[in-house]
Amino acid sequence: FPKDPNECFEMSALALDLADRLQTPIFVMTDLDIGMNQRLTEPLVW
């Protein structure tokens, strides 16, 4: 459950790790609010 675009970025990477580790689908629960609205967020750093 990400709270903002930054966590969407981080949790999407985590989801790939979890999917490989657990061998099961992982759902990143984004929504319309995060996807369409403008908001301040921490920079995306890889």
All heavy atoms as atom14 arrays in JSON, in Angstrom:
{
  "sequence": "FPKDPNECFEMSALALDLADRLQTPIFVMTDLDIGMNQRLTEPLVW",
  "atom14_mask": [
    [1, 1, 1, 1, 1, 1, 1, 1, 1, 1, 1, 0, 0, 0],
    [1, 1, 1, 1, 1, 1, 1, 0, 0, 0, 0, 0, 0, 0],
    [1, 1, 1, 1, 1, 1, 1, 1, 1, 0, 0, 0, 0, 0],
    [1, 1, 1, 1, 1, 1, 1, 1, 0, 0, 0, 0, 0, 0],
    [1, 1, 1, 1, 1, 1, 1, 0, 0, 0, 0, 0, 0, 0],
    [1, 1, 1, 1, 1, 1, 1, 1, 0, 0, 0, 0, 0, 0],
    [1, 1, 1, 1, 1, 1, 1, 1, 1, 0, 0, 0, 0, 0],
    [1, 1, 1, 1, 1, 1, 0, 0, 0, 0, 0, 0, 0, 0],
    [1, 1, 1, 1, 1, 1, 1, 1, 1, 1, 1, 0, 0, 0],
    [1, 1, 1, 1, 1, 1, 1, 1, 1, 0, 0, 0, 0, 0],
    [1, 1, 1, 1, 1, 1, 1, 1, 0, 0, 0, 0, 0, 0],
    [1, 1, 1, 1, 1, 1, 0, 0, 0, 0, 0, 0, 0, 0],
    [1, 1, 1, 1, 1, 0, 0, 0, 0, 0, 0, 0, 0, 0],
    [1, 1, 1, 1, 1, 1, 1, 1, 0, 0, 0, 0, 0, 0],
    [1, 1, 1, 1, 1, 0, 0, 0, 0, 0, 0, 0, 0, 0],
    [1, 1, 1, 1, 1, 1, 1, 1, 0, 0, 0, 0, 0, 0],
    [1, 1, 1, 1, 1, 1, 1, 1, 0, 0, 0, 0, 0, 0],
    [1, 1, 1, 1, 1, 1, 1, 1, 0, 0, 0, 0, 0, 0],
    [1, 1, 1, 1, 1, 0, 0, 0, 0, 0, 0, 0, 0, 0],
    [1, 1, 1, 1, 1, 1, 1, 1, 0, 0, 0, 0, 0, 0],
    [1, 1, 1, 1, 1, 1, 1, 1, 1, 1, 1, 0, 0, 0],
    [1, 1, 1, 1, 1, 1, 1, 1, 0, 0, 0, 0, 0, 0],
    [1, 1, 1, 1, 1, 1, 1, 1, 1, 0, 0, 0, 0, 0],
    [1, 1, 1, 1, 1, 1, 1, 0, 0, 0, 0, 0, 0, 0],
    [1, 1, 1, 1, 1, 1, 1, 0, 0, 0, 0, 0, 0, 0],
    [1, 1, 1, 1, 1, 1, 1, 1, 0, 0, 0, 0, 0, 0],
    [1, 1, 1, 1, 1, 1, 1, 1, 1, 1, 1, 0, 0, 0],
    [1, 1, 1, 1, 1, 1, 1, 0, 0, 0, 0, 0, 0, 0],
    [1, 1, 1, 1, 1, 1, 1, 1, 0, 0, 0, 0, 0, 0],
    [1, 1, 1, 1, 1, 1, 1, 0, 0, 0, 0, 0, 0, 0],
    [1, 1, 1, 1, 1, 1, 1, 1, 0, 0, 0, 0, 0, 0],
    [1, 1, 1, 1, 1, 1, 1, 1, 0, 0, 0, 0, 0, 0],
    [1, 1, 1, 1, 1, 1, 1, 1, 0, 0, 0, 0, 0, 0],
    [1, 1, 1, 1, 1, 1, 1, 1, 0, 0, 0, 0, 0, 0],
    [1, 1, 1, 1, 0, 0, 0, 0, 0, 0, 0, 0, 0, 0],
    [1, 1, 1, 1, 1, 1, 1, 1, 0, 0, 0, 0, 0, 0],
    [1, 1, 1, 1, 1, 1, 1, 1, 0, 0, 0, 0, 0, 0],
    [1, 1, 1, 1, 1, 1, 1, 1, 1, 0, 0, 0, 0, 0],
    [1, 1, 1, 1, 1, 1, 1, 1, 1, 1, 1, 0, 0, 0],
    [1, 1, 1, 1, 1, 1, 1, 1, 0, 0, 0, 0, 0, 0],
    [1, 1, 1, 1, 1, 1, 1, 0, 0, 0, 0, 0, 0, 0],
    [1, 1, 1, 1, 1, 1, 1, 1, 1, 0, 0, 0, 0, 0],
    [1, 1, 1, 1, 1, 1, 1, 0, 0, 0, 0, 0, 0, 0],
    [1, 1, 1, 1, 1, 1, 1, 1, 0, 0, 0, 0, 0, 0],
    [1, 1, 1, 1, 1, 1, 1, 0, 0, 0, 0, 0, 0, 0],
    [1, 1, 1, 1, 1, 1, 1, 1, 1, 1, 1, 1, 1, 1]
  ],
  "atom14_positions": [
    [[0.84, -1.21, 0.0], [0.0, 0.0, 0.0], [0.87, 1.26, 0.0], [1.22, 1.79, 1.06], [-0.91, 0.01, 1.23], [-1.82, -1.17, 1.33], [-1.61, -2.14, 2.31], [-2.88, -1.33, 0.46], [-2.44, -3.24, 2.41], [-3.72, -2.42, 0.55], [-3.5, -3.38, 1.53], [0.0, 0.0, 0.0], [0.0, 0.0, 0.0], [0.0, 0.0, 0.0]],
    [[1.26, 1.77, -1.17], [2.06, 3.0, -1.21], [1.22, 4.22, -0.88], [0.03, 4.27, -1.19], [2.55, 3.05, -2.66], [1.5, 2.31, -3.43], [0.99, 1.23, -2.52], [0.0, 0.0, 0.0], [0.0, 0.0, 0.0], [0.0, 0.0, 0.0], [0.0, 0.0, 0.0], [0.0, 0.0, 0.0], [0.0, 0.0, 0.0], [0.0, 0.0, 0.0]],
    [[1.86, 5.22, -0.25], [1.14, 6.44, 0.12], [1.31, 7.57, -0.89], [0.55, 8.54, -0.88], [1.58, 6.93, 1.51], [3.02, 7.43, 1.57], [3.36, 7.93, 2.97], [4.83, 8.29, 3.13], [5.25, 9.42, 2.3], [0.0, 0.0, 0.0], [0.0, 0.0, 0.0], [0.0, 0.0, 0.0], [0.0, 0.0, 0.0], [0.0, 0.0, 0.0]],
    [[2.32, 7.46, -1.75], [2.61, 8.55, -2.69], [3.44, 8.01, -3.85], [3.82, 6.82, -3.85], [3.32, 9.71, -1.98], [4.63, 9.28, -1.32], [5.2, 8.24, -1.71], [5.09, 10.0, -0.41], [0.0, 0.0, 0.0], [0.0, 0.0, 0.0], [0.0, 0.0, 0.0], [0.0, 0.0, 0.0], [0.0, 0.0, 0.0], [0.0, 0.0, 0.0]],
    [[3.76, 8.83, -4.86], [4.56, 8.34, -6.0], [5.91, 7.77, -5.61], [6.39, 6.81, -6.24], [4.7, 9.59, -6.87], [3.49, 10.39, -6.58], [3.24, 10.2, -5.12], [0.0, 0.0, 0.0], [0.0, 0.0, 0.0], [0.0, 0.0, 0.0], [0.0, 0.0, 0.0], [0.0, 0.0, 0.0], [0.0, 0.0, 0.0], [0.0, 0.0, 0.0]],
    [[6.54, 8.33, -4.59], [7.84, 7.82, -4.16], [7.72, 6.37, -3.67], [8.54, 5.52, -4.03], [8.42, 8.7, -3.06], [9.8, 8.24, -2.62], [9.92, 7.43, -1.72], [10.84, 8.76, -3.27], [0.0, 0.0, 0.0], [0.0, 0.0, 0.0], [0.0, 0.0, 0.0], [0.0, 0.0, 0.0], [0.0, 0.0, 0.0], [0.0, 0.0, 0.0]],
    [[6.71, 6.11, -2.87], [6.53, 4.73, -2.39], [6.05, 3.81, -3.51], [6.34, 2.61, -3.47], [5.57, 4.7, -1.2], [6.22, 5.14, 0.1], [5.46, 4.7, 1.34], [4.33, 4.18, 1.21], [5.99, 4.9, 2.45], [0.0, 0.0, 0.0], [0.0, 0.0, 0.0], [0.0, 0.0, 0.0], [0.0, 0.0, 0.0], [0.0, 0.0, 0.0]],
    [[5.33, 4.34, -4.5], [4.98, 3.53, -5.67], [6.26, 3.03, -6.35], [6.37, 1.86, -6.74], [4.16, 4.33, -6.67], [2.47, 4.67, -6.16], [0.0, 0.0, 0.0], [0.0, 0.0, 0.0], [0.0, 0.0, 0.0], [0.0, 0.0, 0.0], [0.0, 0.0, 0.0], [0.0, 0.0, 0.0], [0.0, 0.0, 0.0], [0.0, 0.0, 0.0]],
    [[7.22, 3.94, -6.48], [8.52, 3.62, -7.09], [9.24, 2.55, -6.28], [9.69, 1.53, -6.82], [9.33, 4.92, -7.17], [10.71, 4.76, -7.74], [10.92, 4.56, -9.09], [11.82, 4.86, -6.9], [12.2, 4.43, -9.61], [13.1, 4.75, -7.41], [13.3, 4.52, -8.77], [0.0, 0.0, 0.0], [0.0, 0.0, 0.0], [0.0, 0.0, 0.0]],
    [[9.35, 2.76, -4.97], [10.08, 1.84, -4.12], [9.38, 0.49, -3.99], [10.01, -0.57, -4.03], [10.28, 2.46, -2.74], [11.2, 3.68, -2.74], [11.3, 4.33, -1.38], [10.5, 3.96, -0.48], [12.19, 5.19, -1.19], [0.0, 0.0, 0.0], [0.0, 0.0, 0.0], [0.0, 0.0, 0.0], [0.0, 0.0, 0.0], [0.0, 0.0, 0.0]],
    [[8.06, 0.53, -3.84], [7.32, -0.72, -3.64], [7.2, -1.54, -4.92], [7.04, -2.77, -4.87], [5.95, -0.43, -3.04], [6.01, -0.01, -1.58], [4.36, 0.19, -0.86], [4.79, 0.52, 0.86], [0.0, 0.0, 0.0], [0.0, 0.0, 0.0], [0.0, 0.0, 0.0], [0.0, 0.0, 0.0], [0.0, 0.0, 0.0], [0.0, 0.0, 0.0]],
    [[7.27, -0.89, -6.07], [7.26, -1.65, -7.33], [8.52, -2.49, -7.44], [8.48, -3.64, -7.86], [7.15, -0.7, -8.52], [5.9, -0.07, -8.54], [0.0, 0.0, 0.0], [0.0, 0.0, 0.0], [0.0, 0.0, 0.0], [0.0, 0.0, 0.0], [0.0, 0.0, 0.0], [0.0, 0.0, 0.0], [0.0, 0.0, 0.0], [0.0, 0.0, 0.0]],
    [[9.67, -1.9, -7.06], [10.92, -2.66, -7.04], [10.86, -3.79, -6.01], [11.26, -4.93, -6.28], [12.09, -1.74, -6.74], [0.0, 0.0, 0.0], [0.0, 0.0, 0.0], [0.0, 0.0, 0.0], [0.0, 0.0, 0.0], [0.0, 0.0, 0.0], [0.0, 0.0, 0.0], [0.0, 0.0, 0.0], [0.0, 0.0, 0.0], [0.0, 0.0, 0.0]],
    [[10.32, -3.47, -4.83], [10.17, -4.49, -3.79], [9.26, -5.62, -4.26], [9.51, -6.79, -3.97], [9.61, -3.85, -2.52], [9.25, -4.81, -1.38], [10.48, -5.57, -0.89], [8.61, -4.04, -0.22], [0.0, 0.0, 0.0], [0.0, 0.0, 0.0], [0.0, 0.0, 0.0], [0.0, 0.0, 0.0], [0.0, 0.0, 0.0], [0.0, 0.0, 0.0]],
    [[8.2, -5.27, -4.99], [7.25, -6.28, -5.46], [7.93, -7.31, -6.36], [7.62, -8.51, -6.3], [6.1, -5.61, -6.2], [0.0, 0.0, 0.0], [0.0, 0.0, 0.0], [0.0, 0.0, 0.0], [0.0, 0.0, 0.0], [0.0, 0.0, 0.0], [0.0, 0.0, 0.0], [0.0, 0.0, 0.0], [0.0, 0.0, 0.0], [0.0, 0.0, 0.0]],
    [[8.88, -6.86, -7.2], [9.6, -7.79, -8.06], [10.43, -8.76, -7.23], [10.48, -9.96, -7.51], [10.48, -7.02, -9.04], [9.74, -6.24, -10.12], [10.71, -5.37, -10.92], [8.98, -7.16, -11.05], [0.0, 0.0, 0.0], [0.0, 0.0, 0.0], [0.0, 0.0, 0.0], [0.0, 0.0, 0.0], [0.0, 0.0, 0.0], [0.0, 0.0, 0.0]],
    [[11.11, -8.24, -6.19], [11.88, -9.1, -5.29], [10.97, -10.11, -4.58], [11.28, -11.3, -4.48], [12.62, -8.27, -4.25], [13.91, -7.67, -4.79], [14.3, -8.0, -5.93], [14.52, -6.85, -4.08], [0.0, 0.0, 0.0], [0.0, 0.0, 0.0], [0.0, 0.0, 0.0], [0.0, 0.0, 0.0], [0.0, 0.0, 0.0], [0.0, 0.0, 0.0]],
    [[9.85, -9.63, -4.05], [8.94, -10.51, -3.33], [8.34, -11.57, -4.24], [8.17, -12.73, -3.84], [7.82, -9.69, -2.69], [8.22, -8.79, -1.52], [7.05, -7.9, -1.11], [8.7, -9.61, -0.33], [0.0, 0.0, 0.0], [0.0, 0.0, 0.0], [0.0, 0.0, 0.0], [0.0, 0.0, 0.0], [0.0, 0.0, 0.0], [0.0, 0.0, 0.0]],
    [[8.02, -11.18, -5.49], [7.44, -12.14, -6.43], [8.43, -13.26, -6.73], [8.06, -14.44, -6.83], [7.02, -11.43, -7.71], [0.0, 0.0, 0.0], [0.0, 0.0, 0.0], [0.0, 0.0, 0.0], [0.0, 0.0, 0.0], [0.0, 0.0, 0.0], [0.0, 0.0, 0.0], [0.0, 0.0, 0.0], [0.0, 0.0, 0.0], [0.0, 0.0, 0.0]],
    [[9.73, -12.92, -6.9], [10.74, -13.94, -7.14], [10.98, -14.79, -5.9], [11.15, -16.01, -5.98], [12.05, -13.29, -7.58], [12.26, -13.36, -9.08], [11.47, -14.05, -9.76], [13.2, -12.72, -9.58], [0.0, 0.0, 0.0], [0.0, 0.0, 0.0], [0.0, 0.0, 0.0], [0.0, 0.0, 0.0], [0.0, 0.0, 0.0], [0.0, 0.0, 0.0]],
    [[11.04, -14.15, -4.73], [11.28, -14.88, -3.49], [10.13, -15.83, -3.16], [10.34, -16.99, -2.8], [11.5, -13.88, -2.35], [11.46, -14.45, -0.95], [12.51, -15.47, -0.66], [13.87, -15.02, -0.94], [14.96, -15.78, -0.76], [14.82, -17.01, -0.33], [16.15, -15.31, -1.05], [0.0, 0.0, 0.0], [0.0, 0.0, 0.0], [0.0, 0.0, 0.0]],
    [[8.91, -15.33, -3.27], [7.74, -16.1, -2.84], [7.1, -16.9, -3.98], [6.25, -17.76, -3.72], [6.69, -15.16, -2.25], [7.1, -14.43, -0.98], [6.13, -13.28, -0.68], [7.15, -15.4, 0.2], [0.0, 0.0, 0.0], [0.0, 0.0, 0.0], [0.0, 0.0, 0.0], [0.0, 0.0, 0.0], [0.0, 0.0, 0.0], [0.0, 0.0, 0.0]],
    [[7.5, -16.61, -5.22], [6.91, -17.29, -6.38], [5.38, -17.18, -6.35], [4.64, -18.17, -6.39], [7.35, -18.75, -6.43], [8.81, -18.92, -6.79], [9.11, -18.47, -8.22], [8.75, -19.15, -9.18], [9.74, -17.31, -8.36], [0.0, 0.0, 0.0], [0.0, 0.0, 0.0], [0.0, 0.0, 0.0], [0.0, 0.0, 0.0], [0.0, 0.0, 0.0]],
    [[4.92, -15.95, -6.25], [3.48, -15.69, -6.2], [3.23, -14.26, -6.69], [4.14, -13.43, -6.63], [2.96, -15.87, -4.76], [1.53, -15.99, -4.78], [3.34, -14.7, -3.87], [0.0, 0.0, 0.0], [0.0, 0.0, 0.0], [0.0, 0.0, 0.0], [0.0, 0.0, 0.0], [0.0, 0.0, 0.0], [0.0, 0.0, 0.0], [0.0, 0.0, 0.0]],
    [[2.03, -13.95, -7.17], [1.74, -12.57, -7.58], [1.78, -11.62, -6.39], [1.38, -11.97, -5.28], [0.31, -12.66, -8.14], [0.1, -14.09, -8.48], [0.91, -14.86, -7.49], [0.0, 0.0, 0.0], [0.0, 0.0, 0.0], [0.0, 0.0, 0.0], [0.0, 0.0, 0.0], [0.0, 0.0, 0.0], [0.0, 0.0, 0.0], [0.0, 0.0, 0.0]],
    [[2.3, -10.42, -6.62], [2.33, -9.35, -5.62], [1.58, -8.16, -6.2], [1.86, -7.74, -7.32], [3.78, -8.91, -5.29], [4.66, -10.12, -4.94], [3.78, -7.89, -4.16], [4.29, -10.83, -3.67], [0.0, 0.0, 0.0], [0.0, 0.0, 0.0], [0.0, 0.0, 0.0], [0.0, 0.0, 0.0], [0.0, 0.0, 0.0], [0.0, 0.0, 0.0]],
    [[0.64, -7.59, -5.44], [-0.15, -6.47, -5.92], [0.32, -5.17, -5.27], [0.36, -5.07, -4.04], [-1.63, -6.68, -5.6], [-2.27, -7.78, -6.39], [-2.29, -9.08, -5.92], [-2.88, -7.51, -7.61], [-2.88, -10.1, -6.65], [-3.46, -8.52, -8.35], [-3.47, -9.83, -7.86], [0.0, 0.0, 0.0], [0.0, 0.0, 0.0], [0.0, 0.0, 0.0]],
    [[0.71, -4.19, -6.09], [1.02, -2.85, -5.59], [-0.25, -2.03, -5.73], [-0.7, -1.74, -6.84], [2.17, -2.2, -6.38], [2.5, -0.82, -5.81], [3.41, -3.09, -6.34], [0.0, 0.0, 0.0], [0.0, 0.0, 0.0], [0.0, 0.0, 0.0], [0.0, 0.0, 0.0], [0.0, 0.0, 0.0], [0.0, 0.0, 0.0], [0.0, 0.0, 0.0]],
    [[-0.85, -1.65, -4.59], [-2.19, -1.08, -4.58], [-2.15, 0.43, -4.78], [-2.38, 1.22, -3.86], [-2.91, -1.45, -3.29], [-2.95, -2.96, -3.02], [-3.89, -3.87, -4.24], [-5.55, -3.37, -3.8], [0.0, 0.0, 0.0], [0.0, 0.0, 0.0], [0.0, 0.0, 0.0], [0.0, 0.0, 0.0], [0.0, 0.0, 0.0], [0.0, 0.0, 0.0]],
    [[-1.83, 0.84, -6.02], [-1.93, 2.26, -6.36], [-3.4, 2.6, -6.59], [-4.25, 1.71, -6.62], [-1.13, 2.58, -7.63], [-1.68, 1.82, -8.71], [0.33, 2.2, -7.46], [0.0, 0.0, 0.0], [0.0, 0.0, 0.0], [0.0, 0.0, 0.0], [0.0, 0.0, 0.0], [0.0, 0.0, 0.0], [0.0, 0.0, 0.0], [0.0, 0.0, 0.0]],
    [[-3.72, 3.87, -6.77], [-5.1, 4.22, -7.08], [-5.15, 5.52, -7.87], [-4.12, 6.14, -8.16], [-5.98, 4.29, -5.81], [-5.53, 5.35, -4.83], [-4.89, 6.33, -5.27], [-5.81, 5.21, -3.63], [0.0, 0.0, 0.0], [0.0, 0.0, 0.0], [0.0, 0.0, 0.0], [0.0, 0.0, 0.0], [0.0, 0.0, 0.0], [0.0, 0.0, 0.0]],
    [[-6.36, 5.93, -8.24], [-6.55, 7.1, -9.09], [-6.02, 8.37, -8.44], [-5.48, 9.25, -9.11], [-8.04, 7.26, -9.4], [-8.41, 8.02, -10.67], [-7.89, 7.3, -11.9], [-9.93, 8.19, -10.77], [0.0, 0.0, 0.0], [0.0, 0.0, 0.0], [0.0, 0.0, 0.0], [0.0, 0.0, 0.0], [0.0, 0.0, 0.0], [0.0, 0.0, 0.0]],
    [[-6.16, 8.46, -7.12], [-5.71, 9.65, -6.39], [-4.2, 9.85, -6.59], [-3.75, 10.94, -6.93], [-6.04, 9.46, -4.9], [-5.77, 10.72, -4.08], [-5.3, 11.71, -4.66], [-6.03, 10.69, -2.87], [0.0, 0.0, 0.0], [0.0, 0.0, 0.0], [0.0, 0.0, 0.0], [0.0, 0.0, 0.0], [0.0, 0.0, 0.0], [0.0, 0.0, 0.0]],
    [[-3.42, 8.8, -6.4], [-1.97, 8.91, -6.57], [-1.61, 9.11, -8.05], [-0.71, 9.87, -8.39], [-1.27, 7.64, -6.03], [-1.48, 7.52, -4.52], [0.22, 7.68, -6.34], [-0.91, 6.24, -3.92], [0.0, 0.0, 0.0], [0.0, 0.0, 0.0], [0.0, 0.0, 0.0], [0.0, 0.0, 0.0], [0.0, 0.0, 0.0], [0.0, 0.0, 0.0]],
    [[-2.33, 8.43, -8.93], [-1.97, 8.43, -10.34], [-2.27, 9.72, -11.09], [-1.59, 10.05, -12.05], [0.0, 0.0, 0.0], [0.0, 0.0, 0.0], [0.0, 0.0, 0.0], [0.0, 0.0, 0.0], [0.0, 0.0, 0.0], [0.0, 0.0, 0.0], [0.0, 0.0, 0.0], [0.0, 0.0, 0.0], [0.0, 0.0, 0.0], [0.0, 0.0, 0.0]],
    [[-3.29, 10.46, -10.65], [-3.74, 11.6, -11.45], [-3.53, 12.96, -10.79], [-3.52, 13.98, -11.48], [-5.23, 11.44, -11.78], [-5.51, 10.31, -12.75], [-7.22, 10.28, -13.32], [-7.29, 11.77, -14.3], [0.0, 0.0, 0.0], [0.0, 0.0, 0.0], [0.0, 0.0, 0.0], [0.0, 0.0, 0.0], [0.0, 0.0, 0.0], [0.0, 0.0, 0.0]],
    [[-3.4, 13.01, -9.48], [-3.3, 14.31, -8.8], [-1.85, 14.76, -8.66], [-0.94, 13.94, -8.53], [-3.94, 14.23, -7.41], [-5.45, 14.11, -7.51], [-6.04, 14.55, -8.48], [-6.07, 13.5, -6.52], [0.0, 0.0, 0.0], [0.0, 0.0, 0.0], [0.0, 0.0, 0.0], [0.0, 0.0, 0.0], [0.0, 0.0, 0.0], [0.0, 0.0, 0.0]],
    [[-1.64, 16.06, -8.68], [-0.31, 16.62, -8.43], [-0.05, 16.64, -6.92], [-0.93, 17.01, -6.15], [-0.22, 18.03, -9.0], [-0.33, 18.08, -10.52], [-0.21, 19.49, -11.04], [-0.3, 20.45, -10.29], [0.0, 19.61, -12.35], [0.0, 0.0, 0.0], [0.0, 0.0, 0.0], [0.0, 0.0, 0.0], [0.0, 0.0, 0.0], [0.0, 0.0, 0.0]],
    [[1.15, 16.24, -6.55], [1.49, 16.27, -5.12], [3.0, 16.33, -4.95], [3.76, 15.91, -5.83], [0.92, 15.05, -4.4], [1.45, 13.72, -4.9], [0.97, 12.58, -4.04], [-0.44, 12.33, -4.23], [-1.22, 11.73, -3.33], [-0.71, 11.35, -2.19], [-2.49, 11.51, -3.58], [0.0, 0.0, 0.0], [0.0, 0.0, 0.0], [0.0, 0.0, 0.0]],
    [[3.42, 16.85, -3.82], [4.84, 16.86, -3.49], [5.26, 15.46, -3.04], [4.51, 14.77, -2.35], [5.12, 17.85, -2.37], [4.93, 19.34, -2.71], [5.08, 20.18, -1.45], [5.92, 19.78, -3.78], [0.0, 0.0, 0.0], [0.0, 0.0, 0.0], [0.0, 0.0, 0.0], [0.0, 0.0, 0.0], [0.0, 0.0, 0.0], [0.0, 0.0, 0.0]],
    [[6.46, 15.07, -3.42], [6.97, 13.77, -3.0], [8.47, 13.81, -2.97], [9.11, 14.65, -3.6], [6.48, 12.65, -3.96], [6.87, 11.38, -3.46], [7.09, 12.82, -5.35], [0.0, 0.0, 0.0], [0.0, 0.0, 0.0], [0.0, 0.0, 0.0], [0.0, 0.0, 0.0], [0.0, 0.0, 0.0], [0.0, 0.0, 0.0], [0.0, 0.0, 0.0]],
    [[9.05, 12.93, -2.2], [10.51, 12.81, -2.19], [11.0, 12.41, -3.58], [10.31, 11.69, -4.3], [10.94, 11.76, -1.16], [10.66, 12.14, 0.29], [11.43, 13.36, 0.74], [12.61, 13.48, 0.34], [10.86, 14.19, 1.48], [0.0, 0.0, 0.0], [0.0, 0.0, 0.0], [0.0, 0.0, 0.0], [0.0, 0.0, 0.0], [0.0, 0.0, 0.0]],
    [[12.21, 12.86, -3.97], [12.75, 12.47, -5.28], [12.87, 10.95, -5.41], [13.11, 10.25, -4.42], [14.14, 13.13, -5.3], [14.07, 14.23, -4.3], [13.12, 13.76, -3.24], [0.0, 0.0, 0.0], [0.0, 0.0, 0.0], [0.0, 0.0, 0.0], [0.0, 0.0, 0.0], [0.0, 0.0, 0.0], [0.0, 0.0, 0.0], [0.0, 0.0, 0.0]],
    [[12.69, 10.46, -6.62], [12.84, 9.02, -6.88], [14.33, 8.73, -7.08], [14.95, 9.22, -8.01], [12.06, 8.61, -8.12], [10.59, 9.06, -8.18], [9.91, 8.46, -9.4], [9.84, 8.71, -6.9], [0.0, 0.0, 0.0], [0.0, 0.0, 0.0], [0.0, 0.0, 0.0], [0.0, 0.0, 0.0], [0.0, 0.0, 0.0], [0.0, 0.0, 0.0]],
    [[14.89, 7.94, -6.18], [16.32, 7.64, -6.21], [16.51, 6.13, -6.28], [15.96, 5.39, -5.45], [17.04, 8.2, -4.96], [18.53, 7.85, -5.01], [16.84, 9.71, -4.87], [0.0, 0.0, 0.0], [0.0, 0.0, 0.0], [0.0, 0.0, 0.0], [0.0, 0.0, 0.0], [0.0, 0.0, 0.0], [0.0, 0.0, 0.0], [0.0, 0.0, 0.0]],
    [[17.28, 5.68, -7.26], [17.53, 4.24, -7.4], [18.94, 3.9, -6.92], [19.91, 4.59, -7.25], [17.37, 3.81, -8.85], [17.6, 2.33, -9.03], [18.66, 1.72, -9.63], [16.75, 1.29, -8.56], [18.53, 0.36, -9.58], [17.35, 0.06, -8.92], [15.53, 1.26, -7.86], [16.79, -1.17, -8.62], [14.97, 0.04, -7.56], [15.59, -1.15, -7.94]]
  ]
}
